[in-house]
C-alpha cells in the first residue's frame, strides 16, 4: 500500500469516528427534544428538597460574559437561546415563599451579615446537593420590598419564575416571603433551548455526510488494484514488492498469511484493534481465536491505551500539573495511535516497550 493510501485510510477512520460522535450526539439531543421536555418546552430536573435553618438559599452566581462581537445582525439575543425556569413549592401551606434572581452585587449588599446557605454543587445523577454556610447576625428585610430583583415571585403554594439569559453575574435567591429563618420547600429547575432541535438535526445531517465521506475514503484506500497481465507482471513496482516481502521475518509473514476467526485479512483485523483504543482491542481479542498476529496487536492495544487512559484519569486529580501531563499523554496517545495502525496494516509486529513483549509472550 502506498503512503498516500495509508494516509487516506487513517483520515478515513478519523472522519468515521467524528461522524459517529455527531450521529450519537444528534440522536441523543433529538430524543431529549421529543421525550424529556414538558408541554412548555422545558427540560426539568427531578424535584429537589431544600431544608435549611438559615434565612436564604443562594444558587449561583452564574457568570455570563458575551463579547460585543456576538451581535452579527441576526436579530438574536441571549434570551432567544436559553430560558431558565424555577418552580418552588413550600411544605407548610401557611408559609409564603419567595423566589428571585438579581445581580450578585445587589444580593451581597442585601444579605450582608445575614446567615444564608449557598449551593456549591448540585448533581442530578446521582442526586446530591452540597451547601456552604455563611454565618451572620442580622435579620434580613422582607425580600419583596426590594426593587433590584430582575425577576421575582412570592406567595403561598407553588411559585414559578422564568428568566431569559442575559450578561452579568446573577444568582437565584430562595427565601420565606416574610424574611424569616427556616426554609423547607421542593424546587424544580428547568431550561428551555429553542435551538436544540435545529442543533440535533444539524448534527445528524453533518454526521451522515461525514459518514459517507469516511466510507468512500476507506473504500478507496483499501481497494485492491487490478492484477496486471502475465507479460507485465515483472514491473519495477512488483519487483520492489517482492524485495520487501523477503525482508519480512518468516514467522511474522506466516502469521499474517494465516486465516482469522473474523474472516478479515490479518492486517485489517490488526488495524481495527487500534481504531477505538483499548475498547476495539478487547473486541478483536475476544473475536479472534486463531491468528497470533492479530491477537498480539489486540492485546498490545489493550495494554498500551488502557494504561494511558488510567494514567490520564489519575493525573486529572493533580492540580495544575495534572492538566499539563494529561495534555502530554493525549498527544503521545494520538501519535502512538497513528503509528500502530500504520504498522499493523503493513503487517509488522511493532512492539511498544513492555506491552509488546508481554503481548507476544501471551499469544505465542
Foldseek 3Di string as FASTA:
>chain_A
DDPVLLVLLVVLLVLLVLLVVLLVVLVVLVCCQVPQADPVQKRKFPKDKDKDQFFKEKEDFDAADDDPVVPPPPPDDQLLFKKKKKKKFAPDQVWKKKKFKAAPVVVCVQCPQGWYKYFPDADRVVGDTDIDIDHGDDQGAQVVVDDRTPWMDMDGGMDMDMDGDDHHTMMMMIGTRRSHGIGTIIMMMIMHGVCSNVSSVVSNVVSVVSNVVSVVSNCVSPDDDDDDPPVCCPDPVNVVVVVVVVPDDPVLNVLQPDAWQVRDRQLVLLLQLLSPFLVSLVVSCVRTDPRLLSVLSSQLSNVPRVVLVVQLVVLVVPPPVSVVVNVVSVVVSVVCSSVSSSCSNVSHLDADPPSNVVSNVVSD
